[in-house]
Amino acid sequence: MAYTNLTTFLWFDGHAQEAAEFYVGLFPDARLGATSYYPDDAPRMAGEVLVVEFELFGQPFGILNAGPGFPHSEAVSFQIACDTQDDVDRLWDALTADGGEPGRCGWCKDRFGVSWQVTPRALGELLSDPDHDVSGYAMNQMMQMTKIVIDDLRREN
């Protein structure tokens, strides 16, 4: 048996096209793919978006516009590794705008209810530092934050 790819599908109750366009607008080299629509004899309104395909970081995604049966939860989230505080700020602000919700420790929900972790690479480096004073301080600071602020993770010398 041969497998050619793996596509992550998100279940939405409306706003499939809007969400795909929003996600594609957040990241460089992202792109929209095909969109399919419910036919006349479907259980939802004919002509309504059924599936929107898109790609982020070379990975395929789909949004199935299928109704209220399965709401999003924090059990599945997308983690974004950011190089700079400017990257963290831009993505955090975009994801929490227009009805999105900030969470703790770099987690947030976008306006569609999808959970994200906006994580600076520096956080992982500090948390894995062999000096327990460095890693412990970073952990303690992170636990008090909503959006991660890189400079606040480092103990002042």
C-alpha atoms as a PDB file:
ATOM      1  CA  MET A   1       0.000   0.000   0.000  1.00  0.00           C
ATOM      2  CA  ALA A   2       1.379   3.437  -0.915  1.00  0.00           C
ATOM      3  CA  TYR A   3       0.566   6.671   0.852  1.00  0.00           C
ATOM      4  CA  THR A   4       1.218   9.978  -0.814  1.00  0.00           C
ATOM      5  CA  ASN A   5       0.288  12.635   1.724  1.00  0.00           C
ATOM      6  CA  LEU A   6      -1.545  13.537   4.894  1.00  0.00           C
ATOM      7  CA  THR A   7      -4.031  16.399   4.995  1.00  0.00           C
ATOM      8  CA  THR A   8      -5.272  17.997   8.196  1.00  0.00           C
ATOM      9  CA  PHE A   9      -9.005  18.743   8.008  1.00  0.00           C
ATOM     10  CA  LEU A  10     -10.790  21.198  10.257  1.00  0.00           C
ATOM     11  CA  TRP A  11     -14.531  20.894  10.882  1.00  0.00           C
ATOM     12  CA  PHE A  12     -16.307  24.239  10.695  1.00  0.00           C
ATOM     13  CA  ASP A  13     -19.868  25.442  11.046  1.00  0.00           C
ATOM     14  CA  GLY A  14     -19.759  28.145   8.375  1.00  0.00           C
ATOM     15  CA  HIS A  15     -17.046  30.690   7.517  1.00  0.00           C
ATOM     16  CA  ALA A  16     -14.876  28.072   5.786  1.00  0.00           C
ATOM     17  CA  GLN A  17     -13.804  30.359   2.947  1.00  0.00           C
ATOM     18  CA  GLU A  18     -13.219  33.313   5.282  1.00  0.00           C
ATOM     19  CA  ALA A  19     -11.083  31.194   7.619  1.00  0.00           C
ATOM     20  CA  ALA A  20      -8.956  29.729   4.811  1.00  0.00           C
ATOM     21  CA  GLU A  21      -8.320  33.200   3.398  1.00  0.00           C
ATOM     22  CA  PHE A  22      -7.403  34.474   6.883  1.00  0.00           C
ATOM     23  CA  TYR A  23      -4.923  31.631   7.505  1.00  0.00           C
ATOM     24  CA  VAL A  24      -3.317  32.019   4.081  1.00  0.00           C
ATOM     25  CA  GLY A  25      -2.918  35.740   4.733  1.00  0.00           C
ATOM     26  CA  LEU A  26      -0.942  35.117   7.935  1.00  0.00           C
ATOM     27  CA  PHE A  27       2.037  33.281   6.478  1.00  0.00           C
ATOM     28  CA  PRO A  28       4.456  33.697   3.579  1.00  0.00           C
ATOM     29  CA  ASP A  29       4.201  31.269   0.676  1.00  0.00           C
ATOM     30  CA  ALA A  30       0.762  30.077   1.804  1.00  0.00           C
ATOM     31  CA  ARG A  31      -1.846  29.502  -0.874  1.00  0.00           C
ATOM     32  CA  LEU A  32      -5.490  28.731  -1.407  1.00  0.00           C
ATOM     33  CA  GLY A  33      -6.406  25.590  -3.293  1.00  0.00           C
ATOM     34  CA  ALA A  34      -9.659  24.241  -4.673  1.00  0.00           C
ATOM     35  CA  THR A  35     -13.066  25.053  -3.251  1.00  0.00           C
ATOM     36  CA  SER A  36     -16.023  22.701  -3.635  1.00  0.00           C
ATOM     37  CA  TYR A  37     -19.678  23.490  -3.013  1.00  0.00           C
ATOM     38  CA  TYR A  38     -22.734  21.595  -1.838  1.00  0.00           C
ATOM     39  CA  PRO A  39     -24.844  20.306  -4.755  1.00  0.00           C
ATOM     40  CA  ASP A  40     -28.590  20.819  -5.078  1.00  0.00           C
ATOM     41  CA  ASP A  41     -29.464  17.520  -3.373  1.00  0.00           C
ATOM     42  CA  ALA A  42     -27.109  17.922  -0.383  1.00  0.00           C
ATOM     43  CA  PRO A  43     -28.165  18.135   3.271  1.00  0.00           C
ATOM     44  CA  ARG A  44     -26.975  21.768   3.412  1.00  0.00           C
ATOM     45  CA  MET A  45     -27.895  24.734   1.261  1.00  0.00           C
ATOM     46  CA  ALA A  46     -27.005  24.216  -2.400  1.00  0.00           C
ATOM     47  CA  GLY A  47     -24.068  26.375  -3.447  1.00  0.00           C
ATOM     48  CA  GLU A  48     -22.721  26.773   0.113  1.00  0.00           C
ATOM     49  CA  VAL A  49     -19.005  26.034   0.524  1.00  0.00           C
ATOM     50  CA  LEU A  50     -18.382  22.349   1.271  1.00  0.00           C
ATOM     51  CA  VAL A  51     -14.562  22.176   1.391  1.00  0.00           C
ATOM     52  CA  VAL A  52     -11.819  24.763   1.033  1.00  0.00           C
ATOM     53  CA  GLU A  53      -8.285  23.517   0.493  1.00  0.00           C
ATOM     54  CA  PHE A  54      -5.203  25.539   1.391  1.00  0.00           C
ATOM     55  CA  GLU A  55      -1.514  25.109   2.119  1.00  0.00           C
ATOM     56  CA  LEU A  56       0.628  26.460   4.963  1.00  0.00           C
ATOM     57  CA  PHE A  57       4.382  25.818   5.088  1.00  0.00           C
ATOM     58  CA  GLY A  58       3.974  23.234   2.323  1.00  0.00           C
ATOM     59  CA  GLN A  59       1.411  21.247   4.316  1.00  0.00           C
ATOM     60  CA  PRO A  60      -2.076  20.653   2.919  1.00  0.00           C
ATOM     61  CA  PHE A  61      -5.139  21.590   4.962  1.00  0.00           C
ATOM     62  CA  GLY A  62      -8.847  21.452   4.331  1.00  0.00           C
ATOM     63  CA  ILE A  63     -11.832  23.041   5.983  1.00  0.00           C
ATOM     64  CA  LEU A  64     -15.017  21.013   5.873  1.00  0.00           C
ATOM     65  CA  ASN A  65     -18.023  23.260   6.295  1.00  0.00           C
ATOM     66  CA  ALA A  66     -20.275  20.651   7.875  1.00  0.00           C
ATOM     67  CA  GLY A  67     -22.300  22.208  10.675  1.00  0.00           C
ATOM     68  CA  PRO A  68     -22.241  22.481  14.458  1.00  0.00           C
ATOM     69  CA  GLY A  69     -21.581  18.812  15.278  1.00  0.00           C
ATOM     70  CA  PHE A  70     -17.952  19.099  16.402  1.00  0.00           C
ATOM     71  CA  PRO A  71     -16.716  22.370  17.914  1.00  0.00           C
ATOM     72  CA  HIS A  72     -13.002  23.181  18.122  1.00  0.00           C
ATOM     73  CA  SER A  73     -11.154  22.603  21.392  1.00  0.00           C
ATOM     74  CA  GLU A  74      -7.663  23.028  22.806  1.00  0.00           C
ATOM     75  CA  ALA A  75      -7.149  19.285  22.348  1.00  0.00           C
ATOM     76  CA  VAL A  76      -5.814  20.206  18.894  1.00  0.00           C
ATOM     77  CA  SER A  77      -3.756  23.328  18.331  1.00  0.00           C
ATOM     78  CA  PHE A  78      -1.311  24.747  15.827  1.00  0.00           C
ATOM     79  CA  GLN A  79       2.082  25.824  17.101  1.00  0.00           C
ATOM     80  CA  ILE A  80       3.910  28.605  15.304  1.00  0.00           C
ATOM     81  CA  ALA A  81       7.654  28.885  15.969  1.00  0.00           C
ATOM     82  CA  CYS A  82       8.624  32.560  15.762  1.00  0.00           C
ATOM     83  CA  ASP A  83      12.147  33.936  15.408  1.00  0.00           C
ATOM     84  CA  THR A  84      11.545  37.438  16.764  1.00  0.00           C
ATOM     85  CA  GLN A  85       9.294  39.351  19.124  1.00  0.00           C
ATOM     86  CA  ASP A  86       7.954  41.247  16.106  1.00  0.00           C
ATOM     87  CA  ASP A  87       6.817  37.909  14.623  1.00  0.00           C
ATOM     88  CA  VAL A  88       5.185  36.928  17.919  1.00  0.00           C
ATOM     89  CA  ASP A  89       3.438  40.292  18.197  1.00  0.00           C
ATOM     90  CA  ARG A  90       2.158  40.303  14.601  1.00  0.00           C
ATOM     91  CA  LEU A  91       0.724  36.789  14.744  1.00  0.00           C
ATOM     92  CA  TRP A  92      -0.670  37.175  18.271  1.00  0.00           C
ATOM     93  CA  ASP A  93      -2.400  40.418  17.337  1.00  0.00           C
ATOM     94  CA  ALA A  94      -3.854  38.932  14.139  1.00  0.00           C
ATOM     95  CA  LEU A  95      -5.073  35.739  15.805  1.00  0.00           C
ATOM     96  CA  THR A  96      -6.661  37.451  18.818  1.00  0.00           C
ATOM     97  CA  ALA A  97      -8.293  40.258  16.796  1.00  0.00           C
ATOM     98  CA  ASP A  98     -11.975  40.441  15.873  1.00  0.00           C
ATOM     99  CA  GLY A  99     -13.252  38.027  18.506  1.00  0.00           C
ATOM    100  CA  GLY A 100     -10.149  35.899  19.060  1.00  0.00           C
ATOM    101  CA  GLU A 101      -9.200  35.156  22.672  1.00  0.00           C
ATOM    102  CA  PRO A 102      -5.839  35.332  24.420  1.00  0.00           C
ATOM    103  CA  GLY A 103      -4.988  32.380  26.594  1.00  0.00           C
ATOM    104  CA  ARG A 104      -2.133  31.512  28.927  1.00  0.00           C
ATOM    105  CA  CYS A 105       1.483  30.689  28.129  1.00  0.00           C
ATOM    106  CA  GLY A 106       1.350  31.752  24.481  1.00  0.00           C
ATOM    107  CA  TRP A 107      -1.915  29.993  23.650  1.00  0.00           C
ATOM    108  CA  CYS A 108      -4.803  31.793  21.990  1.00  0.00           C
ATOM    109  CA  LYS A 109      -7.906  31.121  19.940  1.00  0.00           C
ATOM    110  CA  ASP A 110      -8.645  32.838  16.679  1.00  0.00           C
ATOM    111  CA  ARG A 111     -12.079  34.268  15.874  1.00  0.00           C
ATOM    112  CA  PHE A 112     -13.106  30.893  14.441  1.00  0.00           C
ATOM    113  CA  GLY A 113     -12.329  29.051  17.693  1.00  0.00           C
ATOM    114  CA  VAL A 114      -9.146  27.328  16.470  1.00  0.00           C
ATOM    115  CA  SER A 115      -6.371  27.123  19.099  1.00  0.00           C
ATOM    116  CA  TRP A 116      -2.850  28.351  18.382  1.00  0.00           C
ATOM    117  CA  GLN A 117       0.422  28.414  20.274  1.00  0.00           C
ATOM    118  CA  VAL A 118       2.462  31.455  19.287  1.00  0.00           C
ATOM    119  CA  THR A 119       5.873  30.368  20.529  1.00  0.00           C
ATOM    120  CA  PRO A 120       9.202  32.134  20.153  1.00  0.00           C
ATOM    121  CA  ARG A 121      12.105  29.769  19.445  1.00  0.00           C
ATOM    122  CA  ALA A 122      13.903  31.425  22.359  1.00  0.00           C
ATOM    123  CA  LEU A 123      11.359  29.892  24.747  1.00  0.00           C
ATOM    124  CA  GLY A 124      12.370  26.346  23.828  1.00  0.00           C
ATOM    125  CA  GLU A 125      16.045  27.242  24.061  1.00  0.00           C
ATOM    126  CA  LEU A 126      15.617  28.771  27.520  1.00  0.00           C
ATOM    127  CA  LEU A 127      13.414  25.972  28.844  1.00  0.00           C
ATOM    128  CA  SER A 128      15.983  23.373  27.769  1.00  0.00           C
ATOM    129  CA  ASP A 129      18.977  25.284  29.142  1.00  0.00           C
ATOM    130  CA  PRO A 130      21.062  22.947  31.346  1.00  0.00           C
ATOM    131  CA  ASP A 131      21.386  25.735  33.924  1.00  0.00           C
ATOM    132  CA  HIS A 132      18.313  25.182  36.100  1.00  0.00           C
ATOM    133  CA  ASP A 133      18.320  28.811  37.212  1.00  0.00           C
ATOM    134  CA  VAL A 134      17.905  29.863  33.557  1.00  0.00           C
ATOM    135  CA  SER A 135      15.314  27.222  32.632  1.00  0.00           C
ATOM    136  CA  GLY A 136      13.403  27.596  35.904  1.00  0.00           C
ATOM    137  CA  TYR A 137      13.237  31.357  35.596  1.00  0.00           C
ATOM    138  CA  ALA A 138      11.982  31.092  31.999  1.00  0.00           C
ATOM    139  CA  MET A 139       9.325  28.541  33.028  1.00  0.00           C
ATOM    140  CA  ASN A 140       8.136  30.697  35.919  1.00  0.00           C
ATOM    141  CA  GLN A 141       7.925  33.766  33.699  1.00  0.00           C
ATOM    142  CA  MET A 142       6.088  31.903  30.914  1.00  0.00           C
ATOM    143  CA  MET A 143       3.507  30.578  33.352  1.00  0.00           C
ATOM    144  CA  GLN A 144       2.536  34.167  34.215  1.00  0.00           C
ATOM    145  CA  MET A 145       2.188  35.356  30.615  1.00  0.00           C
ATOM    146  CA  THR A 146      -0.523  35.417  28.035  1.00  0.00           C
ATOM    147  CA  LYS A 147       1.468  36.481  24.935  1.00  0.00           C
ATOM    148  CA  ILE A 148       5.086  35.403  25.316  1.00  0.00           C
ATOM    149  CA  VAL A 149       7.533  38.310  25.635  1.00  0.00           C
ATOM    150  CA  ILE A 150      11.048  37.089  24.891  1.00  0.00           C
ATOM    151  CA  ASP A 151      12.876  39.726  26.931  1.00  0.00           C
ATOM    152  CA  ASP A 152      10.807  38.870  30.014  1.00  0.00           C
ATOM    153  CA  LEU A 153      11.902  35.214  29.827  1.00  0.00           C
ATOM    154  CA  ARG A 154      15.521  36.148  30.507  1.00  0.00           C
ATOM    155  CA  ARG A 155      16.791  37.031  33.964  1.00  0.00           C
ATOM    156  CA  GLU A 156      18.481  40.417  33.958  1.00  0.00           C
ATOM    157  CA  ASN A 157      22.194  40.188  34.686  1.00  0.00           C
END
